[in-house]
Structures are given as structure tokens and as C-alpha cells.
């Protein structure tokens, strides 16, 4: 492979949705490595902690991406994840003798059913998705609080012990769950359904005019979101070892921010699963980086101290800057792509 081919591939990658997300992610990773040191950062334990603590956010962001490609935002995705947590923990308490795997399977199916009902309301009744998801927050939260009025319950120790284990002493179980979720996307990306998704997200009217079933496409993506939410709920339950009816509410907005940071367009039709991974990775690493910086400052500045509110202020301000940069570069990338397509059409006409 010669240099010109490498340059051409790099130019193509620059025009891809995930480019800005990758750049932001690499910058914050490099800063984190510089603060912690390579010997501390690149340890199996550190990698395991990063994945086990943040697998719910990564999986929820993957679920959010499936809808954002259609131009749909689901702010209720966090309470749906909490629903999985609540049902998985409380069913064995309400039904003594119920096998734990069956309780978790019911919770998983429940997440899919909620997502499908949500999708049918949006696709058939044509109620605006943002308004529908806002209503779903209160409906699902009501179910959560009805089932579990306050944080309580435990899970068998074998579950969270397994979740914290490493396959072959290297790969965290949480990492393998994320890999399986990504492989599901890779498989679906080879099917016609994904072409329909990008078409609907790009221009719904044109997609309908070309014979694409809009209702079926939307419901299928909501179903896929339910699968990712179910996996995220499992990871959240295994991570905490207990139930909390409102624990996952913040994940809704965080997953949207992560998708945008990764390069996904709010208008739909622009983005890949890599965007979700880079965006959620950036959120994870920026929190870790700010924490490390505030731990380092007291050694440099005598008497320096800061509360967690300062941590959130600094990290969220950086995230806001990242969001602005991503939105701007997305617009430039899409305009450049359109210009490139028009240029190719002109060249064909001239020939």
C-alpha cells in the first residue's frame, strides 16, 4: 500500500461521522495517560474498573444511537433501564422460589415490550417522539416506584462476582458484553434494514416514496433499542448489586450527549455505532481525567480542595465545548460530502 492510498483513506475517514468523536476520545485518553502514567493506566484492573462501571452508559448510548439515526431522541431510555433493574431484583421477592434467570429474562422481555409499545405510539399514532418519550418517563417511573417504592433488595453474590471477573485473566466480562452488543450491530449493518434506517433518517418522505415501510423500520429500531436497554439494565444491576427505581434517570440525557459527541446528527441519517462508542468513551474518560486532575492539584497547590460540584462543573463545561465542536464539524463534513457527490455527478455528465 503506497502513501497516496493511505492519504486517500485518511481523507475518507475525515469525512466519516466518527472522525471528530475519535479525535476527542484520543485527546482525553492521552491526557489521562499523561496524568496517571502508562504503568497505572494500562493495567488489567484499571481497564476492568472502567468497563464494569461504565458498561451501562455505553450500552444505553448504543441503544440511543439506533433511534437517533432515524432522527428520534428518547429521553426515557434511562428509566427503562431502571425498570429492568427493578424487575430483576424484585420479582424473586414477590414470587418466592422464582428462579433468578427467569426473573432476569422477564425483565429483559419487559424492556423490549416497553420499547415496542413506545415505537408503535410514535410510528402509528404519529405523536412527536420527544413528547412521547417525555410521557414515557412518568409512566415507566410510575411502574418502577409501584414495584419498588424505595431502593432495596439484593442479588446473589455469584452474579456481581461473575460480572467483575476476567475471561482468561485479561478480558472483563463487561467488555465481552459490549463486544457482543457491537457484533449484533455489525450483523444488522449487513442487512437491508440499515439501509432503510439511513434512508428514513435522511428524508422520511423520500424513503416512503421509494417504497420503504416507515412504520416497520421505526418499530424494529425501537425493538433493537429495547435489547440494548435490557443488556444495560443487567449490567447496572450486576454493578450495584441492588435495586433503585430512579437510579438510571440521568442516563437518558447522558446517552444523547454521548451520541452527539461521537458525531451523530440530531437530524438523523448520519452516524455509526463507532460514534456511540467514541462518544460514551469520551464522557467516561473526561470524568476520570477531571477526577485525576483534582486529586493531583493538592500536591501542587498547598491547601487546595474542591467538592464534587467543582468536578461536575469542569467536566460538564468540557463536554459542552466538545458538543459545540462536534456539531460544527458535522455540518462541515456533511457539506463536504454533498459537494463531493455533486462534483462526481458533474464529472460523469462531462464525460
Protein backbone atom coordinates (compact mmCIF):
# COMPACT_ATOMS: atom_id res chain seq x y z
CA UNK A 1 0.00 0.00 0.00
CA UNK A 2 1.59 3.31 -1.11
CA UNK A 3 1.46 6.70 0.58
CA UNK A 4 -1.15 8.13 -1.82
CA UNK A 5 -3.58 5.31 -0.95
CA UNK A 6 -3.06 5.91 2.77
CA UNK A 7 -3.72 9.63 2.28
CA UNK A 8 -6.89 8.88 0.35
CA UNK A 9 -8.14 6.54 3.07
CA UNK A 10 -7.39 9.16 5.71
CA UNK A 11 -9.33 11.77 3.71
CA UNK A 12 -12.29 9.41 3.54
CA UNK A 13 -12.11 8.81 7.28
CA UNK A 14 -12.00 12.57 7.86
CA UNK A 15 -15.38 12.80 6.12
CA UNK A 16 -16.86 9.96 8.20
CA UNK A 17 -19.25 10.68 11.11
CA UNK A 18 -16.96 9.12 13.74
CA UNK A 19 -13.87 11.22 12.95
CA UNK A 20 -14.49 14.03 15.46
CA UNK A 21 -15.57 11.60 18.16
CA UNK A 22 -12.37 9.59 17.73
CA UNK A 23 -10.22 12.74 17.92
CA UNK A 24 -11.93 13.91 21.12
CA UNK A 25 -11.65 10.44 22.63
CA UNK A 26 -7.94 10.11 21.81
CA UNK A 27 -7.16 13.57 23.20
CA UNK A 28 -8.75 12.83 26.57
CA UNK A 29 -7.16 9.36 26.72
CA UNK A 30 -3.70 10.85 26.08
CA UNK A 31 -4.26 13.44 28.83
CA UNK A 32 -5.38 10.70 31.21
CA UNK A 33 -2.31 8.60 30.43
CA UNK A 34 -0.05 11.63 30.98
CA UNK A 35 -1.60 12.26 34.42
CA UNK A 36 -1.76 8.67 35.66
CA UNK A 37 1.26 7.32 33.85
CA UNK A 38 1.21 4.42 31.37
CA UNK A 39 2.08 1.89 34.07
CA UNK A 40 -1.06 2.72 36.06
CA UNK A 41 -3.41 3.37 33.17
CA UNK A 42 -2.65 0.25 31.13
CA UNK A 43 -3.35 -2.27 33.86
CA UNK A 44 -5.91 -5.06 33.69
CA UNK A 45 -7.50 -3.86 36.92
CA UNK A 46 -7.87 -0.26 35.69
CA UNK A 47 -9.35 -1.37 32.37
CA UNK A 48 -11.70 -3.74 34.19
CA UNK A 49 -12.94 -0.98 36.51
CA UNK A 50 -13.50 1.41 33.60
CA UNK A 51 -15.59 -1.12 31.69
CA UNK A 52 -17.54 -2.55 34.64
CA UNK A 53 -18.53 0.89 35.99
CA UNK A 54 -19.43 2.36 32.62
CA UNK A 55 -20.90 -0.58 30.66
CA UNK A 56 -24.48 0.62 31.40
CA UNK A 57 -23.74 4.04 29.87
CA UNK A 58 -22.01 2.54 26.83
CA UNK A 59 -24.87 0.11 26.15
CA UNK A 60 -27.57 2.75 26.67
CA UNK A 61 -25.72 5.04 24.25
CA UNK A 62 -25.67 2.22 21.70
CA UNK A 63 -29.44 1.93 22.14
CA UNK A 64 -29.90 5.67 21.80
CA UNK A 65 -27.93 5.64 18.55
CA UNK A 66 -30.37 3.21 16.93
CA UNK A 67 -33.10 5.84 17.24
CA UNK A 68 -31.01 8.95 16.58
CA UNK A 69 -30.18 7.55 13.14
CA UNK A 70 -33.92 7.96 12.47
CA UNK A 71 -33.86 11.50 13.83
CA UNK A 72 -35.58 10.35 17.06
CA UNK A 73 -34.45 11.16 20.61
CA UNK A 74 -35.56 9.00 23.53
CA UNK A 75 -35.06 10.78 26.86
CA UNK A 76 -36.89 7.95 28.68
CA UNK A 77 -34.20 5.37 27.97
CA UNK A 78 -32.71 5.80 31.46
CA UNK A 79 -35.93 4.97 33.33
CA UNK A 80 -36.43 1.99 31.01
CA UNK A 81 -33.04 0.71 32.13
CA UNK A 82 -34.09 1.27 35.76
CA UNK A 83 -37.21 -0.81 35.02
CA UNK A 84 -35.00 -3.80 34.13
CA UNK A 85 -33.08 -3.31 37.36
CA UNK A 86 -36.24 -3.08 39.48
CA UNK A 87 -37.99 -6.10 37.95
CA UNK A 88 -34.87 -8.30 38.05
CA UNK A 89 -34.36 -7.55 41.76
CA UNK A 90 -37.97 -7.57 42.99
CA UNK A 91 -39.57 -10.48 41.11
CA UNK A 92 -37.82 -13.17 43.22
CA UNK A 93 -39.01 -11.29 46.34
CA UNK A 94 -42.65 -11.03 45.20
CA UNK A 95 -42.66 -14.61 43.88
CA UNK A 96 -40.65 -16.78 46.29
CA UNK A 97 -38.97 -19.68 44.56
CA UNK A 98 -38.87 -17.98 41.15
CA UNK A 99 -35.54 -18.85 39.50
CA UNK A 100 -33.24 -15.86 39.18
CA UNK A 101 -32.54 -16.46 35.44
CA UNK A 102 -36.29 -16.47 34.76
CA UNK A 103 -36.74 -13.20 36.65
CA UNK A 104 -33.97 -11.59 34.60
CA UNK A 105 -35.45 -12.95 31.38
CA UNK A 106 -38.84 -11.43 32.27
CA UNK A 107 -37.13 -8.10 32.98
CA UNK A 108 -35.36 -8.28 29.62
CA UNK A 109 -38.59 -9.08 27.74
CA UNK A 110 -40.32 -6.27 29.65
CA UNK A 111 -37.76 -3.76 28.35
CA UNK A 112 -38.36 -4.92 24.78
CA UNK A 113 -42.15 -4.70 25.20
CA UNK A 114 -41.92 -1.14 26.58
CA UNK A 115 -39.68 -0.13 23.68
CA UNK A 116 -42.02 -1.70 21.11
CA UNK A 117 -45.10 0.00 22.61
CA UNK A 118 -43.17 3.25 22.55
CA UNK A 119 -42.31 2.65 18.89
CA UNK A 120 -45.89 1.81 17.91
CA UNK A 121 -47.16 5.03 19.51
CA UNK A 122 -44.61 7.09 17.60
CA UNK A 123 -44.94 5.25 14.28
CA UNK A 124 -48.70 4.63 14.08
CA UNK A 125 -50.24 7.45 16.12
CA UNK A 126 -47.54 9.86 14.89
CA UNK A 127 -47.21 11.60 18.21
CA UNK A 128 -43.93 13.60 18.27
CA UNK A 129 -41.17 11.28 19.59
CA UNK A 130 -39.83 13.81 22.11
CA UNK A 131 -43.28 14.33 23.62
CA UNK A 132 -43.90 10.58 23.69
CA UNK A 133 -40.61 9.87 25.43
CA UNK A 134 -41.34 12.64 27.94
CA UNK A 135 -44.64 10.93 28.80
CA UNK A 136 -42.94 7.54 28.94
CA UNK A 137 -40.62 8.83 31.65
CA UNK A 138 -43.54 9.32 34.03
CA UNK A 139 -45.32 6.11 33.02
CA UNK A 140 -42.28 3.86 33.42
CA UNK A 141 -41.12 5.69 36.54
CA UNK A 142 -44.58 5.10 38.00
CA UNK A 143 -44.25 1.37 37.34
CA UNK A 144 -40.79 1.40 38.88
CA UNK A 145 -41.95 3.11 42.07
CA UNK A 146 -45.02 0.86 42.25
CA UNK A 147 -42.83 -2.23 42.12
CA UNK A 148 -40.07 -0.78 44.31
CA UNK A 149 -41.10 2.26 46.41
CA UNK A 150 -37.55 2.75 47.72
CA UNK A 151 -34.04 1.41 46.98
CA UNK A 152 -33.86 -2.13 48.30
CA UNK A 153 -33.15 -5.76 47.52
CA UNK A 154 -30.03 -7.71 46.69
CA UNK A 155 -28.89 -10.14 44.05
CA UNK A 156 -27.00 -13.40 44.55
CA UNK A 157 -23.28 -12.72 45.08
CA UNK A 158 -22.38 -15.05 42.22
CA UNK A 159 -23.87 -12.52 39.74
CA UNK A 160 -21.80 -9.49 40.69
CA UNK A 161 -18.75 -11.68 41.32
CA UNK A 162 -19.08 -13.06 37.78
CA UNK A 163 -19.58 -9.55 36.42
CA UNK A 164 -16.29 -8.45 38.00
CA UNK A 165 -14.35 -11.44 36.66
CA UNK A 166 -11.92 -11.57 33.73
CA UNK A 167 -12.07 -14.13 30.95
CA UNK A 168 -8.65 -15.79 30.59
CA UNK A 169 -7.48 -13.30 33.23
CA UNK A 170 -7.48 -10.49 30.63
CA UNK A 171 -10.93 -9.62 29.25
CA UNK A 172 -13.50 -8.17 31.70
CA UNK A 173 -16.95 -9.75 31.46
CA UNK A 174 -18.45 -6.27 30.97
CA UNK A 175 -16.17 -5.74 27.97
CA UNK A 176 -17.35 -9.02 26.42
CA UNK A 177 -20.99 -7.93 26.83
CA UNK A 178 -20.22 -4.71 24.96
CA UNK A 179 -18.43 -6.68 22.22
CA UNK A 180 -21.46 -8.96 21.79
CA UNK A 181 -23.74 -5.91 21.57
CA UNK A 182 -21.47 -4.42 18.92
CA UNK A 183 -21.38 -7.68 16.93
CA UNK A 184 -25.19 -7.61 16.86
CA UNK A 185 -24.94 -4.20 15.21
CA UNK A 186 -22.29 -5.44 12.75
CA UNK A 187 -24.65 -8.23 11.70
CA UNK A 188 -27.63 -5.89 11.30
CA UNK A 189 -25.49 -3.43 9.37
CA UNK A 190 -25.13 -6.07 6.64
CA UNK A 191 -28.91 -6.39 6.24
CA UNK A 192 -31.30 -4.20 4.20
CA UNK A 193 -32.92 -2.84 7.37
CA UNK A 194 -29.98 -0.50 8.00
CA UNK A 195 -30.24 0.98 4.50
CA UNK A 196 -33.88 1.70 5.29
CA UNK A 197 -32.91 3.30 8.61
CA UNK A 198 -30.45 5.71 6.98
CA UNK A 199 -32.96 6.48 4.24
CA UNK A 200 -35.73 7.27 6.74
CA UNK A 201 -33.36 9.32 8.89
CA UNK A 202 -32.10 11.23 5.87
CA UNK A 203 -35.51 12.07 4.40
CA UNK A 204 -38.63 10.28 5.56
CA UNK A 205 -40.82 11.46 2.68
CA UNK A 206 -38.33 10.33 0.03
CA UNK A 207 -37.95 6.99 1.82
CA UNK A 208 -41.72 6.48 1.77
CA UNK A 209 -41.87 7.45 -1.90
CA UNK A 210 -39.26 4.78 -2.63
CA UNK A 211 -41.41 2.05 -1.05
CA UNK A 212 -39.77 1.79 2.38
CA UNK A 213 -42.15 0.77 5.18
CA UNK A 214 -41.68 3.65 7.65
CA UNK A 215 -43.73 2.07 10.46
CA UNK A 216 -41.91 -1.26 10.28
CA UNK A 217 -38.49 0.42 10.20
CA UNK A 218 -39.21 2.57 13.25
CA UNK A 219 -40.69 -0.26 15.32
CA UNK A 220 -37.72 -2.52 14.51
CA UNK A 221 -35.30 0.15 15.71
CA UNK A 222 -37.28 0.64 18.91
CA UNK A 223 -37.15 -3.13 19.42
CA UNK A 224 -33.37 -3.03 18.94
CA UNK A 225 -33.18 -0.19 21.46
CA UNK A 226 -35.09 -2.40 23.92
CA UNK A 227 -32.46 -5.13 23.53
CA UNK A 228 -29.63 -2.71 24.32
CA UNK A 229 -31.58 -1.26 27.25
CA UNK A 230 -32.14 -4.77 28.61
CA UNK A 231 -28.40 -5.51 28.47
CA UNK A 232 -27.64 -2.14 30.09
CA UNK A 233 -30.13 -2.91 32.88
CA UNK A 234 -28.42 -6.25 33.52
CA UNK A 235 -25.03 -4.55 33.78
CA UNK A 236 -26.43 -1.85 36.08
CA UNK A 237 -27.95 -4.50 38.37
CA UNK A 238 -24.76 -6.57 38.43
CA UNK A 239 -22.67 -3.45 39.06
CA UNK A 240 -24.73 -2.16 42.01
CA UNK A 241 -25.89 -5.50 43.42
CA UNK A 242 -29.26 -3.99 44.41
CA UNK A 243 -32.31 -2.18 43.06
CA UNK A 244 -33.09 1.52 42.75
CA UNK A 245 -36.21 2.77 40.91
CA UNK A 246 -34.70 6.14 39.91
CA UNK A 247 -31.02 5.27 39.59
CA UNK A 248 -30.88 5.31 35.80
CA UNK A 249 -32.73 8.56 35.07
CA UNK A 250 -29.60 10.62 34.30
CA UNK A 251 -28.55 8.13 31.62
CA UNK A 252 -31.14 9.45 29.17
CA UNK A 253 -29.54 12.86 28.61
CA UNK A 254 -26.02 11.49 29.00
CA UNK A 255 -26.61 8.98 26.22
CA UNK A 256 -27.86 11.75 23.91
CA UNK A 257 -24.79 13.86 24.70
CA UNK A 258 -22.52 10.86 24.10
CA UNK A 259 -24.05 10.22 20.67
CA UNK A 260 -23.62 13.85 19.63
CA UNK A 261 -20.04 13.90 20.93
CA UNK A 262 -19.35 10.81 18.85
CA UNK A 263 -20.56 12.53 15.68
CA UNK A 264 -24.23 11.52 15.36
CA UNK A 265 -26.54 14.12 13.82
CA UNK A 266 -29.69 15.15 15.67
CA UNK A 267 -31.45 15.40 12.31
CA UNK A 268 -30.92 11.69 11.61
CA UNK A 269 -29.30 9.75 8.79
CA UNK A 270 -25.72 10.46 9.89
CA UNK A 271 -23.71 8.31 12.30
CA UNK A 272 -22.39 4.84 13.05
CA UNK A 273 -22.10 2.62 16.11
CA UNK A 274 -18.47 3.74 16.38
CA UNK A 275 -19.85 7.22 17.13
CA UNK A 276 -21.70 5.84 20.17
CA UNK A 277 -18.57 4.07 21.41
CA UNK A 278 -16.27 7.08 20.98
CA UNK A 279 -18.82 9.48 22.46
CA UNK A 280 -19.52 7.38 25.55
CA UNK A 281 -15.77 6.73 25.86
CA UNK A 282 -15.15 10.48 25.85
CA UNK A 283 -17.73 11.01 28.63
CA UNK A 284 -16.19 8.22 30.69
CA UNK A 285 -12.62 9.41 30.24
CA UNK A 286 -13.36 13.10 30.82
CA UNK A 287 -14.90 12.28 34.20
CA UNK A 288 -11.88 10.14 35.05
CA UNK A 289 -9.44 12.80 33.83
CA UNK A 290 -11.03 15.62 35.85
CA UNK A 291 -11.05 13.37 38.93
CA UNK A 292 -7.34 12.64 38.47
CA UNK A 293 -6.55 16.34 37.97
CA UNK A 294 -8.36 17.39 41.15
CA UNK A 295 -6.51 14.65 43.05
CA UNK A 296 -3.21 15.95 41.69
CA UNK A 297 -3.75 19.66 42.42
CA UNK A 298 -3.46 19.42 46.27
CA UNK A 299 0.09 18.13 45.77
CA UNK A 300 0.93 21.18 43.67
CA UNK A 301 -1.14 23.88 45.41
CA UNK A 302 -0.99 23.72 49.19
CA UNK A 303 -4.40 23.83 50.87
CA UNK A 304 -6.32 23.30 47.64
CA UNK A 305 -9.59 21.40 47.94
CA UNK A 306 -12.69 21.03 45.77
CA UNK A 307 -16.05 19.32 46.17
CA UNK A 308 -17.70 17.01 43.66
CA UNK A 309 -19.71 20.01 42.41
CA UNK A 310 -16.49 21.52 41.05
CA UNK A 311 -15.66 18.21 39.39
CA UNK A 312 -19.02 18.22 37.62
CA UNK A 313 -18.71 21.90 36.66
CA UNK A 314 -15.33 21.41 34.99
CA UNK A 315 -16.17 18.10 33.29
CA UNK A 316 -19.56 19.31 32.03
CA UNK A 317 -18.02 22.53 30.70
CA UNK A 318 -15.52 20.47 28.71
CA UNK A 319 -18.35 18.28 27.43
CA UNK A 320 -20.22 21.41 26.28
CA UNK A 321 -17.17 22.56 24.32
CA UNK A 322 -16.88 19.08 22.80
CA UNK A 323 -20.56 19.16 21.79
CA UNK A 324 -20.13 22.52 20.07
CA UNK A 325 -17.03 21.28 18.21
CA UNK A 326 -18.78 18.11 17.08
CA UNK A 327 -21.90 19.90 15.83
CA UNK A 328 -19.74 22.33 13.85
CA UNK A 329 -17.53 19.65 12.29
CA UNK A 330 -20.62 17.54 11.46
CA UNK A 331 -22.02 20.39 9.41
CA UNK A 332 -18.69 20.88 7.62
CA UNK A 333 -18.37 17.12 6.94
CA UNK A 334 -21.87 16.78 5.53
CA UNK A 335 -21.46 19.85 3.32
CA UNK A 336 -18.12 18.48 2.05
CA UNK A 337 -19.74 15.12 1.35
CA UNK A 338 -22.56 16.75 -0.63
CA UNK A 339 -20.04 18.80 -2.60
CA UNK A 340 -18.04 15.67 -3.35
CA UNK A 341 -21.13 13.84 -4.63
CA UNK A 342 -22.15 16.82 -6.80
CA UNK A 343 -18.61 17.04 -8.18
CA UNK A 344 -18.67 13.36 -9.16
CA UNK A 345 -22.04 13.84 -10.90
CA UNK A 346 -20.67 16.83 -12.84
CA UNK A 347 -17.63 14.83 -13.92
CA UNK A 348 -19.86 11.97 -15.15
CA UNK A 349 -22.03 14.42 -17.11
CA UNK A 350 -18.97 15.98 -18.73
CA UNK A 351 -17.75 12.57 -19.84
